C-alpha atoms as a PDB file:
ATOM      1  CA  UNK A   1      14.428 -42.775 -13.329  1.00  0.00           C
ATOM      2  CA  UNK A   2      11.654 -40.012 -12.298  1.00  0.00           C
ATOM      3  CA  UNK A   3      11.279 -37.177 -13.828  1.00  0.00           C
ATOM      4  CA  UNK A   4      12.273 -34.281 -10.418  1.00  0.00           C
ATOM      5  CA  UNK A   5       8.446 -32.399  -9.083  1.00  0.00           C
ATOM      6  CA  UNK A   6       9.090 -28.764  -9.696  1.00  0.00           C
ATOM      7  CA  UNK A   7       6.410 -28.704  -6.745  1.00  0.00           C
ATOM      8  CA  UNK A   8       7.316 -25.022  -5.880  1.00  0.00           C
ATOM      9  CA  UNK A   9       6.676 -23.887  -9.260  1.00  0.00           C
ATOM     10  CA  UNK A  10      10.338 -22.856  -9.694  1.00  0.00           C
ATOM     11  CA  UNK A  11      10.603 -22.995 -14.214  1.00  0.00           C
ATOM     12  CA  UNK A  12       6.737 -21.046 -13.691  1.00  0.00           C
ATOM     13  CA  UNK A  13       8.320 -18.089 -11.110  1.00  0.00           C
ATOM     14  CA  UNK A  14      11.710 -17.515 -13.118  1.00  0.00           C
ATOM     15  CA  UNK A  15      10.021 -17.196 -16.419  1.00  0.00           C
ATOM     16  CA  UNK A  16       7.427 -14.673 -14.419  1.00  0.00           C
ATOM     17  CA  UNK A  17      10.423 -12.506 -13.041  1.00  0.00           C
ATOM     18  CA  UNK A  18      12.394 -12.524 -16.259  1.00  0.00           C
ATOM     19  CA  UNK A  19       9.416 -11.297 -18.377  1.00  0.00           C
ATOM     20  CA  UNK A  20       8.908  -8.746 -15.434  1.00  0.00           C
ATOM     21  CA  UNK A  21      12.307  -7.437 -16.595  1.00  0.00           C
ATOM     22  CA  UNK A  22      11.782  -7.509 -19.740  1.00  0.00           C
ATOM     23  CA  UNK A  23       8.631  -5.750 -18.967  1.00  0.00           C
ATOM     24  CA  UNK A  24      10.209  -3.090 -17.071  1.00  0.00           C
ATOM     25  CA  UNK A  25       9.568   0.117 -18.644  1.00  0.00           C
ATOM     26  CA  UNK A  26      11.748   2.407 -15.395  1.00  0.00           C
ATOM     27  CA  UNK A  27      15.057   0.267 -16.061  1.00  0.00           C
ATOM     28  CA  UNK A  28      17.096   0.421 -18.717  1.00  0.00           C
ATOM     29  CA  UNK A  29      17.555  -2.150 -22.017  1.00  0.00           C
ATOM     30  CA  UNK A  30      21.637  -1.267 -21.032  1.00  0.00           C
ATOM     31  CA  UNK A  31      20.273  -2.734 -17.001  1.00  0.00           C
ATOM     32  CA  UNK A  32      17.852  -5.686 -18.109  1.00  0.00           C
ATOM     33  CA  UNK A  33      20.952  -7.042 -20.557  1.00  0.00           C
ATOM     34  CA  UNK A  34      23.517  -6.856 -17.658  1.00  0.00           C
ATOM     35  CA  UNK A  35      20.647  -8.096 -15.224  1.00  0.00           C
ATOM     36  CA  UNK A  36      19.763 -11.562 -17.616  1.00  0.00           C
ATOM     37  CA  UNK A  37      23.442 -11.621 -18.796  1.00  0.00           C
ATOM     38  CA  UNK A  38      24.477 -12.020 -14.376  1.00  0.00           C
ATOM     39  CA  UNK A  39      21.943 -14.699 -14.188  1.00  0.00           C
ATOM     40  CA  UNK A  40      22.265 -16.503 -16.741  1.00  0.00           C
ATOM     41  CA  UNK A  41      26.240 -16.531 -16.053  1.00  0.00           C
ATOM     42  CA  UNK A  42      25.562 -17.216 -12.509  1.00  0.00           C
ATOM     43  CA  UNK A  43      23.421 -20.211 -14.002  1.00  0.00           C
ATOM     44  CA  UNK A  44      26.679 -21.357 -16.378  1.00  0.00           C
ATOM     45  CA  UNK A  45      28.094 -22.188 -12.914  1.00  0.00           C
ATOM     46  CA  UNK A  46      25.903 -24.009 -11.170  1.00  0.00           C
ATOM     47  CA  UNK A  47      22.801 -22.065  -9.961  1.00  0.00           C
ATOM     48  CA  UNK A  48      19.617 -23.050 -10.310  1.00  0.00           C
ATOM     49  CA  UNK A  49      16.824 -21.694 -11.026  1.00  0.00           C
ATOM     50  CA  UNK A  50      14.865 -21.090  -7.308  1.00  0.00           C
ATOM     51  CA  UNK A  51      17.966 -18.430  -7.046  1.00  0.00           C
ATOM     52  CA  UNK A  52      18.325 -17.619 -10.134  1.00  0.00           C
ATOM     53  CA  UNK A  53      14.568 -16.204  -9.735  1.00  0.00           C
ATOM     54  CA  UNK A  54      15.901 -14.836  -6.395  1.00  0.00           C
ATOM     55  CA  UNK A  55      18.359 -12.615  -8.305  1.00  0.00           C
ATOM     56  CA  UNK A  56      16.237 -11.567 -10.701  1.00  0.00           C
ATOM     57  CA  UNK A  57      13.202 -10.086  -8.526  1.00  0.00           C
ATOM     58  CA  UNK A  58      15.949  -8.066  -6.817  1.00  0.00           C
ATOM     59  CA  UNK A  59      18.312  -6.895  -9.037  1.00  0.00           C
ATOM     60  CA  UNK A  60      15.155  -5.907  -9.951  1.00  0.00           C
ATOM     61  CA  UNK A  61      13.130  -4.075  -7.791  1.00  0.00           C
ATOM     62  CA  UNK A  62      17.131  -2.559  -7.503  1.00  0.00           C
ATOM     63  CA  UNK A  63      17.433  -0.980 -11.208  1.00  0.00           C
ATOM     64  CA  UNK A  64      13.947   0.296 -10.486  1.00  0.00           C
ATOM     65  CA  UNK A  65      14.699   2.585  -7.506  1.00  0.00           C
ATOM     66  CA  UNK A  66      18.564   3.492  -8.500  1.00  0.00           C
ATOM     67  CA  UNK A  67      19.240   7.229 -10.095  1.00  0.00           C
ATOM     68  CA  UNK A  68      21.333   5.815 -13.139  1.00  0.00           C
ATOM     69  CA  UNK A  69      22.522   2.563 -15.240  1.00  0.00           C
ATOM     70  CA  UNK A  70      24.845   0.639 -13.517  1.00  0.00           C
ATOM     71  CA  UNK A  71      27.558   0.825 -15.583  1.00  0.00           C
ATOM     72  CA  UNK A  72      27.338   4.637 -14.770  1.00  0.00           C
ATOM     73  CA  UNK A  73      27.101   4.008 -11.364  1.00  0.00           C
ATOM     74  CA  UNK A  74      29.495   5.107  -9.331  1.00  0.00           C
ATOM     75  CA  UNK A  75      30.743   4.959  -5.213  1.00  0.00           C
ATOM     76  CA  UNK A  76      28.514   7.700  -4.320  1.00  0.00           C
ATOM     77  CA  UNK A  77      25.423   5.859  -5.748  1.00  0.00           C
ATOM     78  CA  UNK A  78      25.653   2.348  -4.888  1.00  0.00           C
ATOM     79  CA  UNK A  79      26.268   4.211  -1.764  1.00  0.00           C
ATOM     80  CA  UNK A  80      23.220   5.564  -1.812  1.00  0.00           C
ATOM     81  CA  UNK A  81      21.649   2.472  -3.542  1.00  0.00           C
ATOM     82  CA  UNK A  82      23.143   0.544   0.354  1.00  0.00           C
ATOM     83  CA  UNK A  83      21.272   3.630   2.007  1.00  0.00           C
ATOM     84  CA  UNK A  84      17.897   2.435   0.802  1.00  0.00           C
ATOM     85  CA  UNK A  85      18.070  -1.006   0.662  1.00  0.00           C
ATOM     86  CA  UNK A  86      18.992  -0.665   4.576  1.00  0.00           C
ATOM     87  CA  UNK A  87      15.927   1.926   4.636  1.00  0.00           C
ATOM     88  CA  UNK A  88      13.471   0.115   3.858  1.00  0.00           C
ATOM     89  CA  UNK A  89      10.786  -1.962   6.499  1.00  0.00           C
ATOM     90  CA  UNK A  90      12.814  -5.692   4.975  1.00  0.00           C
ATOM     91  CA  UNK A  91      13.800  -7.971   7.576  1.00  0.00           C
ATOM     92  CA  UNK A  92      17.330  -7.693   8.341  1.00  0.00           C
ATOM     93  CA  UNK A  93      18.052 -11.560   6.137  1.00  0.00           C
ATOM     94  CA  UNK A  94      16.197  -9.806   2.955  1.00  0.00           C
ATOM     95  CA  UNK A  95      18.463  -6.739   3.737  1.00  0.00           C
ATOM     96  CA  UNK A  96      21.627  -9.353   4.066  1.00  0.00           C
ATOM     97  CA  UNK A  97      20.049 -10.912   0.480  1.00  0.00           C
ATOM     98  CA  UNK A  98      20.178  -7.779  -1.356  1.00  0.00           C
ATOM     99  CA  UNK A  99      23.331  -6.212  -0.577  1.00  0.00           C
ATOM    100  CA  UNK A 100      24.880  -9.604  -1.543  1.00  0.00           C
ATOM    101  CA  UNK A 101      23.051  -9.952  -4.538  1.00  0.00           C
ATOM    102  CA  UNK A 102      24.397  -6.358  -5.225  1.00  0.00           C
ATOM    103  CA  UNK A 103      27.743  -6.604  -3.855  1.00  0.00           C
ATOM    104  CA  UNK A 104      27.745 -10.111  -6.155  1.00  0.00           C
ATOM    105  CA  UNK A 105      27.049  -8.158  -9.422  1.00  0.00           C
ATOM    106  CA  UNK A 106      28.907  -5.484  -9.470  1.00  0.00           C
ATOM    107  CA  UNK A 107      32.246  -8.071  -8.090  1.00  0.00           C
ATOM    108  CA  UNK A 108      31.074  -9.398 -11.519  1.00  0.00           C
END
């Protein structure tokens, strides 16, 4: 059996996203730990590297643009974060991705 080729460099992109999260000074250590734990749990449940990378990148962006730590967010702060997502110059599909990832994260 031949090893799969990583033509999209998923492993490298995943490591870069993880490194960017860990190096960010704008994100609290508790949020970094929560994001990495969440993504790790998803990977244990079968999430592939490409999708895990997307989750890491999106959650890093969200963590940089919220007023307080994730574990201290009230409903009002989450609604403000959703409003922030909806006012960004992203496509509707990208906004949807952010909202789905945010919802999954808070359900976790």
